[in-house]
Protein backbone atom coordinates (compact mmCIF):
# COMPACT_ATOMS: atom_id res chain seq x y z
CA UNK A 1 21.64 -6.04 2.03
CA UNK A 2 19.96 -5.56 -1.38
CA UNK A 3 16.92 -7.51 -2.51
CA UNK A 4 15.14 -7.26 -5.85
CA UNK A 5 12.31 -9.80 -6.22
CA UNK A 6 10.83 -10.83 -9.54
CA UNK A 7 7.39 -9.62 -10.60
CA UNK A 8 5.86 -13.04 -9.99
CA UNK A 9 6.54 -15.47 -7.15
CA UNK A 10 9.85 -15.40 -5.28
CA UNK A 11 10.71 -18.03 -2.69
CA UNK A 12 13.31 -16.84 -0.21
CA UNK A 13 14.72 -19.94 1.44
CA UNK A 14 17.24 -20.74 4.13
CA UNK A 15 17.58 -22.09 7.69
CA UNK A 16 15.46 -20.80 10.53
CA UNK A 17 16.73 -17.59 12.17
CA UNK A 18 18.78 -16.74 9.07
CA UNK A 19 17.09 -13.40 8.37
CA UNK A 20 14.37 -14.33 5.85
CA UNK A 21 11.58 -12.65 7.79
CA UNK A 22 13.69 -9.50 8.09
CA UNK A 23 13.36 -9.06 4.32
CA UNK A 24 9.57 -9.16 4.62
CA UNK A 25 9.82 -6.81 7.59
CA UNK A 26 11.68 -4.26 5.49
CA UNK A 27 9.16 -4.35 2.63
CA UNK A 28 6.29 -4.10 5.12
CA UNK A 29 7.85 -1.07 6.82
CA UNK A 30 8.14 0.76 3.53
CA UNK A 31 4.62 -0.14 2.44
CA UNK A 32 2.72 0.32 5.71
CA UNK A 33 5.12 2.31 7.97
CA UNK A 34 5.38 -0.40 10.64
CA UNK A 35 6.87 -3.80 11.29
CA UNK A 36 5.57 -7.07 9.90
CA UNK A 37 4.28 -8.31 13.27
CA UNK A 38 3.30 -4.91 14.69
CA UNK A 39 6.46 -4.93 16.77
CA UNK A 40 7.76 -1.71 18.29
CA UNK A 41 10.35 0.08 16.15
CA UNK A 42 12.94 -0.43 18.89
CA UNK A 43 12.33 -4.20 18.73
CA UNK A 44 13.27 -4.24 15.03
CA UNK A 45 16.85 -3.14 15.64
CA UNK A 46 19.74 -5.57 15.51
CA UNK A 47 20.96 -6.23 19.05
CA UNK A 48 24.11 -4.13 18.58
CA UNK A 49 22.52 -1.34 16.49
CA UNK A 50 21.20 2.08 17.46
CA UNK A 51 19.42 2.80 14.15
CA UNK A 52 18.13 1.33 10.92
CA UNK A 53 17.63 2.75 7.43
CA UNK A 54 15.45 1.17 4.76
CA UNK A 55 15.40 2.29 1.13
CA UNK A 56 12.97 0.94 -1.44
CA UNK A 57 11.44 1.56 -4.83
CA UNK A 58 7.97 0.32 -5.84
CA UNK A 59 6.42 0.23 -9.31
CA UNK A 60 2.64 0.38 -9.72
CA UNK A 61 0.62 -1.16 -12.56
CA UNK A 62 1.46 1.80 -14.81
CA UNK A 63 5.22 1.45 -14.09
CA UNK A 64 5.18 4.68 -12.06
CA UNK A 65 7.86 4.54 -9.36
CA UNK A 66 7.45 5.44 -5.70
CA UNK A 67 10.56 5.64 -3.53
CA UNK A 68 10.29 5.17 0.22
CA UNK A 69 12.94 5.73 2.87
CA UNK A 70 12.42 4.78 6.52
CA UNK A 71 14.82 6.04 9.19
CA UNK A 72 14.73 5.15 12.87
CA UNK A 73 17.10 5.84 15.75
CA UNK A 74 16.67 5.28 19.46
CA UNK A 75 17.12 9.00 20.13
CA UNK A 76 14.78 10.41 17.46
CA UNK A 77 11.32 9.61 16.17
CA UNK A 78 10.88 7.53 13.04
CA UNK A 79 10.87 9.33 9.69
CA UNK A 80 9.09 8.23 6.52
CA UNK A 81 10.25 9.95 3.34
CA UNK A 82 8.25 9.28 0.15
CA UNK A 83 9.57 10.61 -3.16
CA UNK A 84 11.96 12.88 -1.19
CA UNK A 85 9.16 14.43 0.92
CA UNK A 86 8.71 13.60 4.60
CA UNK A 87 5.27 12.16 5.40
CA UNK A 88 3.39 13.33 8.52
CA UNK A 89 1.25 11.88 9.87
CA UNK A 90 2.25 8.37 8.79
CA UNK A 91 -1.40 7.54 8.11
CA UNK A 92 -1.14 9.59 4.91
CA UNK A 93 1.04 6.82 3.46
CA UNK A 94 -1.38 3.97 4.22
CA UNK A 95 -2.96 2.67 1.02
CA UNK A 96 -0.33 4.10 -1.31
CA UNK A 97 1.38 0.68 -1.56
CA UNK A 98 -1.23 -2.04 -0.89
CA UNK A 99 0.18 -5.06 0.88
CA UNK A 100 -1.13 -8.43 2.13
CA UNK A 101 0.69 -10.48 4.76
CA UNK A 102 0.59 -13.97 6.19
CA UNK A 103 2.54 -15.42 9.08
CA UNK A 104 1.89 -18.28 11.52
CA UNK A 105 1.78 -15.70 14.33
CA UNK A 106 -1.35 -14.24 12.71
CA UNK A 107 -3.34 -17.36 13.59
CA UNK A 108 -4.47 -15.28 16.58
CA UNK A 109 -6.81 -13.58 14.10
CA UNK A 110 -8.72 -16.86 13.93
CA UNK A 111 -8.29 -18.28 17.42
CA UNK A 112 -7.35 -15.29 19.56
CA UNK A 113 -9.10 -12.39 21.27
CA UNK A 114 -11.66 -10.13 19.56
CA UNK A 115 -9.09 -7.33 19.34
CA UNK A 116 -7.09 -9.42 16.83
CA UNK A 117 -10.09 -9.78 14.50
CA UNK A 118 -10.93 -6.09 14.81
CA UNK A 119 -7.32 -5.27 13.91
CA UNK A 120 -7.51 -7.53 10.84
CA UNK A 121 -10.76 -5.89 9.73
CA UNK A 122 -9.54 -2.34 10.37
CA UNK A 123 -6.21 -2.89 8.60
CA UNK A 124 -8.01 -4.37 5.59
CA UNK A 125 -10.44 -1.47 5.23
CA UNK A 126 -7.85 1.25 5.90
CA UNK A 127 -5.79 0.30 2.84
CA UNK A 128 -8.72 1.05 0.51
CA UNK A 129 -10.74 3.66 2.42
CA UNK A 130 -9.09 6.89 3.61
CA UNK A 131 -12.29 8.15 5.28
CA UNK A 132 -12.44 5.01 7.42
CA UNK A 133 -8.89 5.51 8.67
CA UNK A 134 -9.70 9.12 9.59
CA UNK A 135 -12.85 7.98 11.42
CA UNK A 136 -10.89 5.34 13.36
CA UNK A 137 -8.29 7.84 14.52
CA UNK A 138 -10.96 10.36 15.50
CA UNK A 139 -12.96 7.64 17.29
CA UNK A 140 -9.96 6.65 19.41
CA UNK A 141 -9.43 10.28 20.45
CA UNK A 142 -13.09 10.84 21.35
CA UNK A 143 -13.30 7.50 23.16
CA UNK A 144 -10.28 8.42 25.27
CA UNK A 145 -11.87 11.78 26.19
CA UNK A 146 -15.23 10.20 27.01
CA UNK A 147 -13.63 7.50 29.17
CA UNK A 148 -11.62 10.13 31.03
CA UNK A 149 -14.80 12.08 31.78
CA UNK A 150 -16.75 8.98 32.84
CA UNK A 151 -13.93 8.07 35.20
CA UNK A 152 -14.41 11.41 37.00
CA UNK A 153 -18.21 11.19 37.29
CA UNK A 154 -18.59 9.69 40.74
CA UNK A 155 -21.09 12.44 41.43
CA UNK A 156 -22.75 13.86 38.34
CA UNK A 157 -22.79 17.63 38.11
CA UNK A 158 -24.69 19.67 35.56
CA UNK A 159 -21.57 20.64 33.64
CA UNK A 160 -20.29 17.06 33.54
CA UNK A 161 -23.62 15.79 32.23
CA UNK A 162 -23.60 18.40 29.47
CA UNK A 163 -20.04 17.51 28.50
CA UNK A 164 -20.87 13.80 28.53
CA UNK A 165 -23.76 14.43 26.14
CA UNK A 166 -21.39 16.22 23.74
CA UNK A 167 -18.82 13.40 23.80
CA UNK A 168 -21.57 10.78 23.47
CA UNK A 169 -22.99 12.48 20.40
CA UNK A 170 -19.56 12.71 18.76
CA UNK A 171 -18.76 9.10 19.60
CA UNK A 172 -22.14 7.90 18.30
CA UNK A 173 -21.63 9.61 14.93
CA UNK A 174 -18.16 8.14 14.49
CA UNK A 175 -19.25 4.70 15.74
CA UNK A 176 -22.14 4.65 13.28
CA UNK A 177 -19.84 5.47 10.36
CA UNK A 178 -17.29 2.83 11.41
CA UNK A 179 -19.85 0.05 11.92
CA UNK A 180 -21.59 0.94 8.65
CA UNK A 181 -18.31 0.77 6.72
CA UNK A 182 -17.33 -2.52 8.35
CA UNK A 183 -20.63 -4.14 7.39
CA UNK A 184 -20.42 -2.81 3.84
CA UNK A 185 -16.90 -4.18 3.54
CA UNK A 186 -17.98 -7.60 4.81
CA UNK A 187 -20.91 -7.74 2.39
CA UNK A 188 -18.38 -7.48 -0.48
CA UNK A 189 -15.71 -9.60 1.19
CA UNK A 190 -17.79 -12.60 2.30
CA UNK A 191 -18.82 -13.94 -1.16
CA UNK A 192 -15.20 -13.71 -2.34
CA UNK A 193 -14.00 -15.47 0.78
CA UNK A 194 -16.53 -18.30 0.57
CA UNK A 195 -15.76 -18.92 -3.10
CA UNK A 196 -12.01 -18.92 -2.57
CA UNK A 197 -12.15 -21.03 0.59
CA UNK A 198 -13.99 -23.79 -1.24
CA UNK A 199 -11.25 -23.86 -3.87
CA UNK A 200 -8.96 -24.88 -1.02
CA UNK A 201 -11.37 -27.11 0.92
CA UNK A 202 -14.36 -27.98 -1.30
CA UNK A 203 -16.32 -29.91 1.34
CA UNK A 204 -16.34 -27.18 3.98
CA UNK A 205 -18.72 -24.23 4.29
CA UNK A 206 -17.38 -21.13 6.04
CA UNK A 207 -19.09 -17.88 6.93
CA UNK A 208 -18.35 -14.67 8.84
CA UNK A 209 -20.80 -12.88 11.12
CA UNK A 210 -20.36 -9.35 12.45
CA UNK A 211 -21.16 -9.28 16.18
CA UNK A 212 -22.02 -5.69 17.14
CA UNK A 213 -22.07 -4.38 20.71
CA UNK A 214 -25.32 -2.61 19.79
CA UNK A 215 -27.06 -5.95 19.59
CA UNK A 216 -28.82 -6.94 16.40
CA UNK A 217 -28.05 -4.70 13.44
CA UNK A 218 -29.04 -5.13 9.80
CA UNK A 219 -26.70 -4.96 6.82
CA UNK A 220 -29.00 -2.50 5.11
CA UNK A 221 -29.03 -0.10 8.10
CA UNK A 222 -28.07 3.46 7.19
CA UNK A 223 -25.51 5.52 9.09
CA UNK A 224 -28.35 7.67 10.49
CA UNK A 225 -30.18 4.58 11.77
CA UNK A 226 -27.01 3.28 13.44
CA UNK A 227 -26.36 6.72 14.95
CA UNK A 228 -29.84 6.74 16.51
CA UNK A 229 -29.31 3.21 17.85
CA UNK A 230 -26.03 4.23 19.47
CA UNK A 231 -27.63 7.24 21.16
CA UNK A 232 -30.38 5.04 22.61
CA UNK A 233 -27.87 2.40 23.75
CA UNK A 234 -25.64 4.97 25.46
CA UNK A 235 -28.66 6.41 27.27
CA UNK A 236 -29.62 2.93 28.48
CA UNK A 237 -26.14 2.09 29.75
CA UNK A 238 -25.03 5.50 31.05
CA UNK A 239 -25.45 4.62 34.74
CA UNK A 240 -23.55 1.34 34.41
CA UNK A 241 -20.79 3.00 32.38
CA UNK A 242 -20.26 5.57 35.14
CA UNK A 243 -20.11 2.81 37.75
CA UNK A 244 -17.55 0.89 35.67
CA UNK A 245 -15.67 3.98 34.51
CA UNK A 246 -15.58 2.97 30.85
CA UNK A 247 -17.50 3.08 27.58
CA UNK A 248 -19.23 -0.27 27.15
CA UNK A 249 -20.64 0.08 23.61
CA UNK A 250 -18.98 0.84 20.30
CA UNK A 251 -16.87 -0.64 17.49
CA UNK A 252 -13.97 -1.08 19.95
CA UNK A 253 -16.12 -3.81 21.55
CA UNK A 254 -17.29 -5.59 18.39
CA UNK A 255 -16.11 -8.95 17.09
CA UNK A 256 -16.16 -11.19 14.03
CA UNK A 257 -17.46 -14.72 14.37
CA UNK A 258 -15.64 -17.14 12.06
CA UNK A 259 -17.83 -20.17 11.45
CA UNK A 260 -17.27 -23.49 9.73
CA UNK A 261 -20.42 -25.55 9.19
CA UNK A 262 -22.22 -23.05 11.52
CA UNK A 263 -19.80 -23.85 14.38
CA UNK A 264 -17.31 -21.33 15.74
CA UNK A 265 -13.96 -22.23 14.24
CA UNK A 266 -11.75 -21.30 17.20
CA UNK A 267 -13.67 -23.72 19.43
CA UNK A 268 -14.13 -26.70 17.13
CA UNK A 269 -11.70 -26.60 14.18
CA UNK A 270 -8.33 -28.32 13.89
CA UNK A 271 -5.08 -26.37 13.60
CA UNK A 272 -4.97 -27.21 9.89
CA UNK A 273 -8.49 -25.89 9.32
CA UNK A 274 -7.69 -22.66 11.16
CA UNK A 275 -4.55 -22.22 9.05
CA UNK A 276 -6.49 -22.71 5.81
CA UNK A 277 -9.16 -20.29 7.08
CA UNK A 278 -6.52 -17.62 7.70
CA UNK A 279 -4.86 -18.17 4.31
CA UNK A 280 -8.26 -17.88 2.62
CA UNK A 281 -8.93 -14.63 4.51
CA UNK A 282 -5.67 -13.18 3.28
CA UNK A 283 -6.04 -14.29 -0.35
CA UNK A 284 -9.63 -13.00 -0.42
CA UNK A 285 -8.36 -9.69 0.90
CA UNK A 286 -5.91 -9.62 -2.03
CA UNK A 287 -8.70 -10.21 -4.56
CA UNK A 288 -10.93 -7.54 -3.07
CA UNK A 289 -8.09 -5.00 -3.02
CA UNK A 290 -7.34 -5.81 -6.66
CA UNK A 291 -10.98 -5.22 -7.59
CA UNK A 292 -11.26 -1.95 -5.66
CA UNK A 293 -7.86 -0.43 -6.49
CA UNK A 294 -7.19 -1.86 -9.94
CA UNK A 295 -3.78 -2.74 -8.52
CA UNK A 296 -2.50 -6.09 -7.26
CA UNK A 297 -1.15 -5.78 -3.70
CA UNK A 298 2.24 -7.16 -2.79
CA UNK A 299 1.96 -10.52 -0.99
CA UNK A 300 4.38 -11.10 1.91
CA UNK A 301 3.97 -14.69 3.09
CA UNK A 302 6.13 -15.90 5.94
CA UNK A 303 6.58 -19.66 6.38
CA UNK A 304 3.44 -20.22 4.31
CA UNK A 305 3.71 -23.93 3.56
CA UNK A 306 4.71 -25.34 6.94
CA UNK A 307 2.16 -27.76 8.41
CA UNK A 308 0.22 -27.96 5.11
CA UNK A 309 -0.22 -31.17 3.17
CA UNK A 310 0.74 -31.39 -0.52
CA UNK A 311 -2.86 -31.05 -1.72
CA UNK A 312 -3.49 -27.76 0.09
CA UNK A 313 -0.02 -26.44 -0.77
CA UNK A 314 -0.60 -27.04 -4.49
CA UNK A 315 -4.07 -25.45 -4.38
CA UNK A 316 -2.68 -22.36 -2.65
CA UNK A 317 0.19 -22.15 -5.10
CA UNK A 318 -2.22 -22.20 -8.07
CA UNK A 319 -4.05 -19.23 -6.55
CA UNK A 320 -0.81 -17.36 -5.91
CA UNK A 321 0.14 -17.63 -9.58
CA UNK A 322 -2.58 -15.03 -10.30
CA UNK A 323 -1.62 -12.69 -7.44
CA UNK A 324 1.24 -10.75 -9.00
CA UNK A 325 4.34 -10.06 -6.94
CA UNK A 326 4.58 -12.54 -4.08
CA UNK A 327 7.46 -13.13 -1.68
CA UNK A 328 7.37 -16.38 0.29
CA UNK A 329 9.83 -17.46 2.95
CA UNK A 330 10.57 -21.13 3.43
CA UNK A 331 13.06 -23.27 5.31
CA UNK A 332 13.53 -25.31 2.13
CA UNK A 333 13.64 -24.53 -1.57
CA UNK A 334 10.31 -25.54 -3.14
CA UNK A 335 10.36 -27.40 -6.49
CA UNK A 336 7.71 -25.28 -8.24
CA UNK A 337 8.01 -24.13 -11.84
CA UNK A 338 7.81 -20.45 -12.81
CA UNK A 339 9.26 -19.43 -9.44
CA UNK A 340 12.35 -17.39 -8.65
CA UNK A 341 14.16 -19.22 -5.84
CA UNK A 342 16.60 -17.13 -3.81
CA UNK A 343 18.88 -18.32 -1.05
CA UNK A 344 19.10 -15.96 1.91
CA UNK A 345 22.79 -16.82 2.10
CA UNK A 346 23.32 -15.51 -1.43
CA UNK A 347 21.83 -12.15 -0.38
CA UNK A 348 24.14 -11.96 2.57
CA UNK A 349 27.01 -12.42 0.17
CA UNK A 350 26.20 -9.10 -1.48
CA UNK A 351 28.08 -6.19 0.00
CA UNK A 352 25.76 -4.07 2.14
CA UNK A 353 25.22 -0.49 1.05
């Protein structure tokens, strides 16, 4: 199947389960090396298939082309080939083609577990900050090593205590850098988000609070100050961590509080309010990326307008008109001007390559 969207807004319409989301899945794979809903590669195969191949070409703001080829088989590991060169590790490709997504399944960012909000925050920062991605990967490795050691420390020996101190120091340095970067990101993101949200719902007042496992931290804290706080916290909780066999403090335990009128949105808001909150998060992410990168990310928006009233749909559409290339899936063709409407059935009519 071949698909060539217009530069502006494309609406890909057709019945449910007709393959519209698969188009977004393919673009997302080529841009960010993984599936649209973080599914396993094996789950993205057709039922009767043993492999998939995706080929794409992206143009940046200067009209420079980047070609991406993704190959996956059940027997071999996935390959990502960019401009004819294989990319390893895949993290080297993250940020090359900025991309923003929306799908109803992502409502768990707003109303789900803390891990969903951390994933949203981490994915957002990684696309514009290579150092942050490196820190996250290193943090996960060090955390795994520290947890393994803690799990063995039923009776502390001198050598184990020395090794724990080494892992704790490494983890504290990485944790401080990660928390610092998250708070800096949010200080830039929050004003954009609040302004954009009120374009969609003028009478509501949202905010976002970073809840750190350290306890109270200040937005003007330096990395060195956070590092010192982590060392103190780990010393205070060392005995309990050994009893529990796990690291109890760090960015892997942090959360974002989403508030509407000072009340936590996942506890008090309606489904419609949570949906608008998520859409505002995503569109604010697009604006921030544009400001940082000087490049408008691709917008992949799955089933965007379902369960929205006409007023909110029109307000969102006006914002999307400034977002550059946007691909929206819909069960029905939408009667908007300046939009390229494409039937999924017409794409299936094109001979597959």
